[in-house]
Amino acid sequence: MKKYSVTDLILWEDNDFITVNKPPFLSTLEDRTDPVNLLALVRGYCETAQACHRLDKDTSGLIVFAKNPEAYRHMSMQFEHRKVEKIYHAIVDGVHDFKQHLVDAPILAAPDGIVKISKRDGKPAQTYFTTLVAYRQHSLIECRPITGRMHQIRIHLSVLNASITGDEQYGGKPLYLSAIKRGFNLKKNTEEEPLMKRMALHAKSLIFKSMKDEELTLDAPYPKDFQALIRQLEANK
């Protein structure tokens, strides 16, 4: 099991907040199937920490923790009133040319943990999508969710026939080097593995107000697997 040092993950902190670059494959909160979670790690550094929001286990990127109840309330109100600007980056299947493309599609969460679009029973959900880079068979997309529904970016991209690469739950396909690299040869008696062993989604940045009412813009660098995937897509355009 991989060991994490919280000090290596911290991007910024002050007296009220800690912002962390969550690695992939690590739960934000307690998970029955995994004894290690990000909240527990952060509480080893600041025992009063509370997670102000969460990311899916496979999603990497920026998470804010409050150090005290006042900071937690302050952040909760910003999320509730949609004052926090969230930006995600996703690598998706197919070549797309989105320019501030709005998906306004209500989301219904099912008991099995999968969501679906339901105009009748779903809760309002809006996301804006912009293409940053188009590769030969994939695209790097900036995602700006206005609401914060479960699996919102994932299901909204699938609505656009632009499922996140590796997100098989919502129609994404694993990406193999053999599919993009000309003249690729697999060694004998070996089975090819995907370039990325998760969905290609990263919480890139957040804009919110500090307790002093100062606007903060924080950015989380890509983890190694996301960087490696982009490198291969760039090399095989």
C-alpha atoms as a PDB file:
ATOM      1  CA  MET A   1       0.000   0.000   0.000  1.00  0.00           C
ATOM      2  CA  LYS A   2       1.385   3.393  -0.969  1.00  0.00           C
ATOM      3  CA  LYS A   3       2.332   5.736   1.865  1.00  0.00           C
ATOM      4  CA  TYR A   4       1.571   9.422   1.533  1.00  0.00           C
ATOM      5  CA  SER A   5       3.142  12.389   3.279  1.00  0.00           C
ATOM      6  CA  VAL A   6       0.551  15.109   3.801  1.00  0.00           C
ATOM      7  CA  THR A   7       3.201  17.829   3.698  1.00  0.00           C
ATOM      8  CA  ASP A   8       4.051  16.704   0.145  1.00  0.00           C
ATOM      9  CA  LEU A   9       0.386  17.019  -0.872  1.00  0.00           C
ATOM     10  CA  ILE A  10      -0.320  20.473   0.614  1.00  0.00           C
ATOM     11  CA  LEU A  11      -0.538  23.193  -2.028  1.00  0.00           C
ATOM     12  CA  TRP A  12      -1.360  26.155   0.225  1.00  0.00           C
ATOM     13  CA  GLU A  13      -2.577  26.860   3.754  1.00  0.00           C
ATOM     14  CA  ASP A  14      -3.332  29.697   6.120  1.00  0.00           C
ATOM     15  CA  ASN A  15      -4.808  29.813   9.633  1.00  0.00           C
ATOM     16  CA  ASP A  16      -8.202  28.607   8.397  1.00  0.00           C
ATOM     17  CA  PHE A  17      -7.746  26.352   5.362  1.00  0.00           C
ATOM     18  CA  ILE A  18      -5.506  23.647   3.964  1.00  0.00           C
ATOM     19  CA  THR A  19      -5.630  22.888   0.245  1.00  0.00           C
ATOM     20  CA  VAL A  20      -4.362  19.501  -0.865  1.00  0.00           C
ATOM     21  CA  ASN A  21      -3.575  17.888  -4.233  1.00  0.00           C
ATOM     22  CA  LYS A  22      -5.345  14.540  -3.787  1.00  0.00           C
ATOM     23  CA  PRO A  23      -3.600  11.596  -5.435  1.00  0.00           C
ATOM     24  CA  PRO A  24      -5.720   9.194  -7.503  1.00  0.00           C
ATOM     25  CA  PHE A  25      -6.950   5.940  -5.877  1.00  0.00           C
ATOM     26  CA  LEU A  26      -7.307   7.599  -2.462  1.00  0.00           C
ATOM     27  CA  SER A  27     -10.754   8.131  -0.905  1.00  0.00           C
ATOM     28  CA  THR A  28     -11.558  11.621   0.371  1.00  0.00           C
ATOM     29  CA  LEU A  29     -13.477  10.330   3.405  1.00  0.00           C
ATOM     30  CA  GLU A  30     -13.661   7.041   5.299  1.00  0.00           C
ATOM     31  CA  ASP A  31     -14.132   4.074   2.993  1.00  0.00           C
ATOM     32  CA  ARG A  32     -15.086   0.628   4.271  1.00  0.00           C
ATOM     33  CA  THR A  33     -12.894  -1.010   1.629  1.00  0.00           C
ATOM     34  CA  ASP A  34      -9.781   1.066   2.287  1.00  0.00           C
ATOM     35  CA  PRO A  35      -8.170   1.791   5.668  1.00  0.00           C
ATOM     36  CA  VAL A  36      -6.369   4.862   4.265  1.00  0.00           C
ATOM     37  CA  ASN A  37      -8.250   8.044   3.367  1.00  0.00           C
ATOM     38  CA  LEU A  38      -7.305  11.662   2.767  1.00  0.00           C
ATOM     39  CA  LEU A  39      -9.274  13.090   5.702  1.00  0.00           C
ATOM     40  CA  ALA A  40      -7.464  10.791   8.151  1.00  0.00           C
ATOM     41  CA  LEU A  41      -4.109  11.769   6.659  1.00  0.00           C
ATOM     42  CA  VAL A  42      -4.893  15.483   6.902  1.00  0.00           C
ATOM     43  CA  ARG A  43      -6.130  15.050  10.483  1.00  0.00           C
ATOM     44  CA  GLY A  44      -2.711  13.634  11.315  1.00  0.00           C
ATOM     45  CA  TYR A  45      -1.421  17.091  10.370  1.00  0.00           C
ATOM     46  CA  CYS A  46      -4.338  19.171  11.720  1.00  0.00           C
ATOM     47  CA  GLU A  47      -6.645  17.170  13.992  1.00  0.00           C
ATOM     48  CA  THR A  48      -9.614  19.545  13.621  1.00  0.00           C
ATOM     49  CA  ALA A  49      -9.646  19.406   9.797  1.00  0.00           C
ATOM     50  CA  GLN A  50     -12.946  18.914   7.950  1.00  0.00           C
ATOM     51  CA  ALA A  51     -13.320  18.249   4.222  1.00  0.00           C
ATOM     52  CA  CYS A  52     -15.290  21.083   2.601  1.00  0.00           C
ATOM     53  CA  HIS A  53     -16.126  18.931  -0.462  1.00  0.00           C
ATOM     54  CA  ARG A  54     -15.032  15.607  -1.930  1.00  0.00           C
ATOM     55  CA  LEU A  55     -13.685  13.986  -5.078  1.00  0.00           C
ATOM     56  CA  ASP A  56     -14.328  10.500  -6.432  1.00  0.00           C
ATOM     57  CA  LYS A  57     -11.676   8.000  -5.363  1.00  0.00           C
ATOM     58  CA  ASP A  58     -10.182   7.785  -8.877  1.00  0.00           C
ATOM     59  CA  THR A  59     -10.228  11.567  -9.443  1.00  0.00           C
ATOM     60  CA  SER A  60      -7.065  13.475  -8.601  1.00  0.00           C
ATOM     61  CA  GLY A  61      -6.746  17.132  -7.740  1.00  0.00           C
ATOM     62  CA  LEU A  62      -7.570  20.015  -5.466  1.00  0.00           C
ATOM     63  CA  ILE A  63      -9.529  19.636  -2.242  1.00  0.00           C
ATOM     64  CA  VAL A  64     -10.056  22.249   0.495  1.00  0.00           C
ATOM     65  CA  PHE A  65     -10.051  21.343   4.194  1.00  0.00           C
ATOM     66  CA  ALA A  66     -11.204  23.735   6.918  1.00  0.00           C
ATOM     67  CA  LYS A  67      -9.137  23.944  10.104  1.00  0.00           C
ATOM     68  CA  ASN A  68     -11.988  25.221  12.310  1.00  0.00           C
ATOM     69  CA  PRO A  69     -15.820  25.272  12.369  1.00  0.00           C
ATOM     70  CA  GLU A  70     -16.022  28.948  11.314  1.00  0.00           C
ATOM     71  CA  ALA A  71     -13.916  28.277   8.211  1.00  0.00           C
ATOM     72  CA  TYR A  72     -16.003  25.186   7.407  1.00  0.00           C
ATOM     73  CA  ARG A  73     -19.221  27.238   7.591  1.00  0.00           C
ATOM     74  CA  HIS A  74     -17.652  30.002   5.500  1.00  0.00           C
ATOM     75  CA  MET A  75     -16.713  27.519   2.771  1.00  0.00           C
ATOM     76  CA  SER A  76     -20.020  25.629   2.957  1.00  0.00           C
ATOM     77  CA  MET A  77     -21.935  28.862   2.335  1.00  0.00           C
ATOM     78  CA  GLN A  78     -19.782  29.630  -0.713  1.00  0.00           C
ATOM     79  CA  PHE A  79     -20.466  26.170  -2.156  1.00  0.00           C
ATOM     80  CA  GLU A  80     -24.185  26.437  -1.341  1.00  0.00           C
ATOM     81  CA  HIS A  81     -24.501  29.807  -3.082  1.00  0.00           C
ATOM     82  CA  ARG A  82     -22.314  28.680  -6.012  1.00  0.00           C
ATOM     83  CA  LYS A  83     -19.631  31.238  -5.280  1.00  0.00           C
ATOM     84  CA  VAL A  84     -16.803  28.707  -5.661  1.00  0.00           C
ATOM     85  CA  GLU A  85     -15.463  28.417  -9.200  1.00  0.00           C
ATOM     86  CA  LYS A  86     -14.351  24.855  -9.932  1.00  0.00           C
ATOM     87  CA  ILE A  87     -12.283  23.899 -12.969  1.00  0.00           C
ATOM     88  CA  TYR A  88     -11.555  20.296 -13.929  1.00  0.00           C
ATOM     89  CA  HIS A  89      -9.500  18.906 -16.798  1.00  0.00           C
ATOM     90  CA  ALA A  90     -10.579  15.698 -18.530  1.00  0.00           C
ATOM     91  CA  ILE A  91      -9.156  13.686 -21.395  1.00  0.00           C
ATOM     92  CA  VAL A  92     -12.079  12.363 -23.398  1.00  0.00           C
ATOM     93  CA  ASP A  93     -12.636   9.913 -26.230  1.00  0.00           C
ATOM     94  CA  GLY A  94     -12.988  11.497 -29.667  1.00  0.00           C
ATOM     95  CA  VAL A  95     -12.086  14.840 -31.220  1.00  0.00           C
ATOM     96  CA  HIS A  96     -14.359  17.668 -30.060  1.00  0.00           C
ATOM     97  CA  ASP A  97     -14.520  21.425 -30.509  1.00  0.00           C
ATOM     98  CA  PHE A  98     -16.406  22.767 -27.497  1.00  0.00           C
ATOM     99  CA  LYS A  99     -16.468  26.512 -26.840  1.00  0.00           C
ATOM    100  CA  GLN A 100     -18.171  27.266 -23.550  1.00  0.00           C
ATOM    101  CA  HIS A 101     -20.669  24.544 -24.459  1.00  0.00           C
ATOM    102  CA  LEU A 102     -23.376  24.308 -21.791  1.00  0.00           C
ATOM    103  CA  VAL A 103     -24.918  20.987 -20.821  1.00  0.00           C
ATOM    104  CA  ASP A 104     -28.062  21.633 -18.785  1.00  0.00           C
ATOM    105  CA  ALA A 105     -29.336  18.163 -17.918  1.00  0.00           C
ATOM    106  CA  PRO A 106     -30.957  17.111 -14.602  1.00  0.00           C
ATOM    107  CA  ILE A 107     -29.242  14.253 -12.762  1.00  0.00           C
ATOM    108  CA  LEU A 108     -30.881  11.451 -10.786  1.00  0.00           C
ATOM    109  CA  ALA A 109     -28.691   9.393  -8.456  1.00  0.00           C
ATOM    110  CA  ALA A 110     -29.606   5.695  -8.321  1.00  0.00           C
ATOM    111  CA  PRO A 111     -29.123   3.493  -5.242  1.00  0.00           C
ATOM    112  CA  ASP A 112     -26.395   1.493  -7.021  1.00  0.00           C
ATOM    113  CA  GLY A 113     -24.101   4.536  -7.138  1.00  0.00           C
ATOM    114  CA  ILE A 114     -24.606   5.244 -10.843  1.00  0.00           C
ATOM    115  CA  VAL A 115     -26.373   8.404 -12.011  1.00  0.00           C
ATOM    116  CA  LYS A 116     -28.589   9.023 -15.012  1.00  0.00           C
ATOM    117  CA  ILE A 117     -30.195  11.963 -16.769  1.00  0.00           C
ATOM    118  CA  SER A 118     -33.844  12.376 -15.802  1.00  0.00           C
ATOM    119  CA  LYS A 119     -35.832  15.462 -16.763  1.00  0.00           C
ATOM    120  CA  ARG A 120     -38.719  14.328 -14.599  1.00  0.00           C
ATOM    121  CA  ASP A 121     -37.001  13.271 -11.358  1.00  0.00           C
ATOM    122  CA  GLY A 122     -33.445  14.636 -11.643  1.00  0.00           C
ATOM    123  CA  LYS A 123     -31.943  17.591  -9.799  1.00  0.00           C
ATOM    124  CA  PRO A 124     -30.834  20.595 -11.894  1.00  0.00           C
ATOM    125  CA  ALA A 125     -27.250  20.305 -13.144  1.00  0.00           C
ATOM    126  CA  GLN A 126     -25.216  22.553 -15.443  1.00  0.00           C
ATOM    127  CA  THR A 127     -21.650  22.239 -16.746  1.00  0.00           C
ATOM    128  CA  TYR A 128     -19.688  24.300 -19.286  1.00  0.00           C
ATOM    129  CA  PHE A 129     -17.138  22.567 -21.515  1.00  0.00           C
ATOM    130  CA  THR A 130     -14.289  24.066 -23.558  1.00  0.00           C
ATOM    131  CA  THR A 131     -11.773  22.160 -25.688  1.00  0.00           C
ATOM    132  CA  LEU A 132      -8.185  23.008 -24.719  1.00  0.00           C
ATOM    133  CA  VAL A 133      -6.342  20.619 -27.078  1.00  0.00           C
ATOM    134  CA  ALA A 134      -7.551  18.247 -29.799  1.00  0.00           C
ATOM    135  CA  TYR A 135      -5.376  15.191 -30.401  1.00  0.00           C
ATOM    136  CA  ARG A 136      -5.741  12.549 -33.103  1.00  0.00           C
ATOM    137  CA  GLN A 137      -8.446  10.510 -31.358  1.00  0.00           C
ATOM    138  CA  HIS A 138      -8.890  12.312 -28.035  1.00  0.00           C
ATOM    139  CA  SER A 139      -9.393  15.792 -26.591  1.00  0.00           C
ATOM    140  CA  LEU A 140      -8.317  17.646 -23.452  1.00  0.00           C
ATOM    141  CA  ILE A 141     -11.395  19.411 -22.090  1.00  0.00           C
ATOM    142  CA  GLU A 142     -11.829  22.140 -19.483  1.00  0.00           C
ATOM    143  CA  CYS A 143     -14.943  21.437 -17.396  1.00  0.00           C
ATOM    144  CA  ARG A 144     -16.627  24.108 -15.282  1.00  0.00           C
ATOM    145  CA  PRO A 145     -19.477  22.641 -13.226  1.00  0.00           C
ATOM    146  CA  ILE A 146     -21.966  25.218 -11.967  1.00  0.00           C
ATOM    147  CA  THR A 147     -23.779  22.756  -9.711  1.00  0.00           C
ATOM    148  CA  GLY A 148     -22.132  19.954  -7.753  1.00  0.00           C
ATOM    149  CA  ARG A 149     -24.097  16.768  -8.409  1.00  0.00           C
ATOM    150  CA  MET A 150     -22.633  13.303  -8.012  1.00  0.00           C
ATOM    151  CA  HIS A 151     -20.715  12.210 -11.156  1.00  0.00           C
ATOM    152  CA  GLN A 152     -21.913  15.392 -12.869  1.00  0.00           C
ATOM    153  CA  ILE A 153     -18.960  15.972 -15.228  1.00  0.00           C
ATOM    154  CA  ARG A 154     -18.812  12.272 -16.097  1.00  0.00           C
ATOM    155  CA  ILE A 155     -22.472  11.921 -17.099  1.00  0.00           C
ATOM    156  CA  HIS A 156     -22.617  15.323 -18.844  1.00  0.00           C
ATOM    157  CA  LEU A 157     -19.606  14.441 -21.020  1.00  0.00           C
ATOM    158  CA  SER A 158     -21.236  11.131 -21.902  1.00  0.00           C
ATOM    159  CA  VAL A 159     -24.325  13.099 -23.049  1.00  0.00           C
ATOM    160  CA  LEU A 160     -22.015  14.851 -25.540  1.00  0.00           C
ATOM    161  CA  ASN A 161     -20.598  11.515 -26.788  1.00  0.00           C
ATOM    162  CA  ALA A 162     -17.331  12.626 -25.202  1.00  0.00           C
ATOM    163  CA  SER A 163     -17.005  10.131 -22.356  1.00  0.00           C
ATOM    164  CA  ILE A 164     -13.930  10.464 -20.159  1.00  0.00           C
ATOM    165  CA  THR A 165     -11.141   8.146 -21.288  1.00  0.00           C
ATOM    166  CA  GLY A 166     -11.050   5.159 -18.942  1.00  0.00           C
ATOM    167  CA  ASP A 167     -14.471   5.904 -17.390  1.00  0.00           C
ATOM    168  CA  GLU A 168     -16.115   2.633 -18.419  1.00  0.00           C
ATOM    169  CA  GLN A 169     -19.096   3.265 -16.106  1.00  0.00           C
ATOM    170  CA  TYR A 170     -20.201   6.118 -18.387  1.00  0.00           C
ATOM    171  CA  GLY A 171     -19.053   4.858 -21.776  1.00  0.00           C
ATOM    172  CA  GLY A 172     -15.348   5.740 -21.715  1.00  0.00           C
ATOM    173  CA  LYS A 173     -12.775   3.369 -23.171  1.00  0.00           C
ATOM    174  CA  PRO A 174      -9.367   2.467 -21.726  1.00  0.00           C
ATOM    175  CA  LEU A 175      -6.533   3.987 -23.773  1.00  0.00           C
ATOM    176  CA  TYR A 176      -3.832   1.614 -24.994  1.00  0.00           C
ATOM    177  CA  LEU A 177      -0.589   2.853 -26.508  1.00  0.00           C
ATOM    178  CA  SER A 178      -1.103   0.448 -29.417  1.00  0.00           C
ATOM    179  CA  ALA A 179      -4.226   2.423 -30.379  1.00  0.00           C
ATOM    180  CA  ILE A 180      -2.370   5.720 -30.879  1.00  0.00           C
ATOM    181  CA  LYS A 181       1.274   4.842 -31.590  1.00  0.00           C
ATOM    182  CA  ARG A 182       2.129   3.856 -35.137  1.00  0.00           C
ATOM    183  CA  GLY A 183       4.303   0.757 -35.399  1.00  0.00           C
ATOM    184  CA  PHE A 184       3.728  -0.195 -31.763  1.00  0.00           C
ATOM    185  CA  ASN A 185       5.012  -3.675 -30.942  1.00  0.00           C
ATOM    186  CA  LEU A 186       4.014  -5.492 -27.781  1.00  0.00           C
ATOM    187  CA  LYS A 187       6.611  -7.771 -26.248  1.00  0.00           C
ATOM    188  CA  LYS A 188       5.881 -11.466 -26.670  1.00  0.00           C
ATOM    189  CA  ASN A 189       3.848 -13.173 -23.955  1.00  0.00           C
ATOM    190  CA  THR A 190       2.842  -9.873 -22.365  1.00  0.00           C
ATOM    191  CA  GLU A 191      -0.608  -8.389 -22.041  1.00  0.00           C
ATOM    192  CA  GLU A 192      -0.912  -4.698 -22.833  1.00  0.00           C
ATOM    193  CA  GLU A 193      -2.167  -2.512 -20.000  1.00  0.00           C
ATOM    194  CA  PRO A 194      -3.954   0.829 -20.394  1.00  0.00           C
ATOM    195  CA  LEU A 195      -1.783   3.948 -20.272  1.00  0.00           C
ATOM    196  CA  MET A 196      -3.892   5.091 -17.329  1.00  0.00           C
ATOM    197  CA  LYS A 197      -5.511   2.728 -14.842  1.00  0.00           C
ATOM    198  CA  ARG A 198      -8.370   5.098 -13.999  1.00  0.00           C
ATOM    199  CA  MET A 199     -10.594   7.713 -15.590  1.00  0.00           C
ATOM    200  CA  ALA A 200      -8.674  10.736 -16.868  1.00  0.00           C
ATOM    201  CA  LEU A 201     -10.248  13.415 -14.648  1.00  0.00           C
ATOM    202  CA  HIS A 202      -8.340  15.969 -12.547  1.00  0.00           C
ATOM    203  CA  ALA A 203      -9.657  18.791 -10.322  1.00  0.00           C
ATOM    204  CA  LYS A 204      -7.357  21.507 -11.662  1.00  0.00           C
ATOM    205  CA  SER A 205      -8.261  24.705  -9.835  1.00  0.00           C
ATOM    206  CA  LEU A 206     -10.560  26.477  -7.401  1.00  0.00           C
ATOM    207  CA  ILE A 207     -11.410  30.123  -6.896  1.00  0.00           C
ATOM    208  CA  PHE A 208     -12.971  31.056  -3.539  1.00  0.00           C
ATOM    209  CA  LYS A 209     -12.916  33.729  -0.828  1.00  0.00           C
ATOM    210  CA  SER A 210     -10.710  33.476   2.244  1.00  0.00           C
ATOM    211  CA  MET A 211     -11.983  34.357   5.723  1.00  0.00           C
ATOM    212  CA  LYS A 212     -10.530  37.839   5.085  1.00  0.00           C
ATOM    213  CA  ASP A 213     -12.742  38.073   1.970  1.00  0.00           C
ATOM    214  CA  GLU A 214      -9.732  37.901  -0.344  1.00  0.00           C
ATOM    215  CA  GLU A 215     -10.208  36.029  -3.610  1.00  0.00           C
ATOM    216  CA  LEU A 216      -7.903  33.011  -3.829  1.00  0.00           C
ATOM    217  CA  THR A 217      -7.044  31.174  -7.028  1.00  0.00           C
ATOM    218  CA  LEU A 218      -5.394  27.814  -6.424  1.00  0.00           C
ATOM    219  CA  ASP A 219      -4.057  25.359  -8.970  1.00  0.00           C
ATOM    220  CA  ALA A 220      -3.201  21.654  -8.658  1.00  0.00           C
ATOM    221  CA  PRO A 221      -0.501  20.257 -10.987  1.00  0.00           C
ATOM    222  CA  TYR A 222      -1.336  17.054 -12.872  1.00  0.00           C
ATOM    223  CA  PRO A 223      -0.260  13.796 -11.208  1.00  0.00           C
ATOM    224  CA  LYS A 224       2.297  11.598 -12.968  1.00  0.00           C
ATOM    225  CA  ASP A 225      -0.216   9.328 -14.720  1.00  0.00           C
ATOM    226  CA  PHE A 226      -2.122  12.303 -16.198  1.00  0.00           C
ATOM    227  CA  GLN A 227       1.142  13.925 -17.310  1.00  0.00           C
ATOM    228  CA  ALA A 228       2.288  10.675 -18.942  1.00  0.00           C
ATOM    229  CA  LEU A 229      -1.003  10.289 -20.810  1.00  0.00           C
ATOM    230  CA  ILE A 230      -0.791  13.824 -22.205  1.00  0.00           C
ATOM    231  CA  ARG A 231       2.841  13.241 -23.195  1.00  0.00           C
ATOM    232  CA  GLN A 232       1.861  10.194 -25.240  1.00  0.00           C
ATOM    233  CA  LEU A 233      -1.096  11.990 -26.855  1.00  0.00           C
ATOM    234  CA  GLU A 234       1.161  14.921 -27.777  1.00  0.00           C
ATOM    235  CA  ALA A 235       3.837  12.604 -29.197  1.00  0.00           C
ATOM    236  CA  ASN A 236       1.315  10.717 -31.319  1.00  0.00           C
ATOM    237  CA  LYS A 237      -0.878  13.557 -32.617  1.00  0.00           C
END
